[in-house]
Amino acid sequence: MSQVCAICGKRPQVGMNVSHAHNRNKRRFNPNLQNVRVQLESGQVKKLKVCTRCIRSGAVVKPEAKKAPAAS
């Protein structure tokens, strides 16, 4: 299940590399996936592979950063 966004389900697409001489070779467009810590609706924190569009659009809720204990 690699190369699949856990939020939107975006997968690799296929297309063509086209040279100046118009030689065509098949290629693969992979989604830009990042490993992100996500806070689920249940409050649980998990690491998921998420595409950058989901991160940018706010579909992913990141957990609050842990605060360092106050030095006394």
Protein backbone atom coordinates (compact mmCIF):
# COMPACT_ATOMS: atom_id res chain seq x y z
CA MET A 1 0.00 0.00 0.00
CA SER A 2 2.88 2.35 -0.66
CA GLN A 3 2.48 5.55 -2.68
CA VAL A 4 -1.16 6.07 -1.62
CA CYS A 5 -2.36 9.08 0.40
CA ALA A 6 -4.11 7.94 3.59
CA ILE A 7 -6.57 10.89 3.46
CA CYS A 8 -7.65 11.37 -0.16
CA GLY A 9 -6.46 8.09 -1.70
CA LYS A 10 -4.30 9.78 -4.34
CA ARG A 11 -2.22 7.18 -6.25
CA PRO A 12 0.48 7.25 -8.92
CA GLN A 13 -0.66 8.31 -12.39
CA VAL A 14 0.87 7.28 -15.70
CA GLY A 15 1.86 9.55 -18.55
CA MET A 16 4.55 10.13 -21.13
CA ASN A 17 8.00 11.70 -21.18
CA VAL A 18 8.08 13.62 -24.46
CA SER A 19 11.46 14.65 -25.85
CA HIS A 20 12.13 17.57 -28.19
CA ALA A 21 12.12 15.06 -31.07
CA HIS A 22 8.74 13.87 -29.76
CA ASN A 23 10.02 10.45 -28.70
CA ARG A 24 7.54 9.18 -26.13
CA ASN A 25 8.37 6.96 -23.14
CA LYS A 26 5.95 5.88 -20.46
CA ARG A 27 6.59 7.32 -17.01
CA ARG A 28 4.97 7.44 -13.61
CA PHE A 29 3.85 10.54 -11.69
CA ASN A 30 4.06 9.71 -7.97
CA PRO A 31 2.14 11.82 -5.44
CA ASN A 32 4.27 13.90 -3.07
CA LEU A 33 3.73 11.92 0.13
CA GLN A 34 5.10 12.90 3.52
CA ASN A 35 5.12 10.97 6.80
CA VAL A 36 3.11 13.16 9.18
CA ARG A 37 1.91 12.79 12.77
CA VAL A 38 -1.88 13.19 12.59
CA GLN A 39 -4.40 13.57 15.39
CA LEU A 40 -7.51 11.50 14.60
CA GLU A 41 -11.06 12.46 15.67
CA SER A 42 -10.78 9.94 18.51
CA GLY A 43 -7.84 11.96 19.89
CA GLN A 44 -5.34 9.23 18.99
CA VAL A 45 -2.06 10.32 17.34
CA LYS A 46 -0.78 8.23 14.41
CA LYS A 47 1.85 8.52 11.71
CA LEU A 48 0.33 8.49 8.21
CA LYS A 49 1.57 8.94 4.66
CA VAL A 50 -0.27 12.04 3.44
CA CYS A 51 0.03 14.03 0.21
CA THR A 52 1.12 17.65 0.45
CA ARG A 53 -2.19 18.91 -0.94
CA CYS A 54 -4.06 17.39 2.05
CA ILE A 55 -1.54 18.97 4.44
CA ARG A 56 -1.88 22.39 2.77
CA SER A 57 -5.68 22.32 2.54
CA GLY A 58 -6.08 21.57 6.25
CA ALA A 59 -7.48 18.06 5.83
CA VAL A 60 -4.82 16.92 8.32
CA VAL A 61 -5.00 17.99 11.98
CA LYS A 62 -1.54 18.01 13.52
CA PRO A 63 -1.26 17.33 17.27
CA GLU A 64 -0.14 20.09 19.60
CA ALA A 65 3.57 20.16 20.32
CA LYS A 66 4.63 18.96 23.75
CA LYS A 67 5.83 21.81 25.95
CA ALA A 68 9.13 21.41 27.77
CA PRO A 69 8.82 21.33 31.58
CA ALA A 70 9.58 24.65 33.25
CA ALA A 71 13.05 24.80 34.78
CA SER A 72 12.95 25.67 38.47
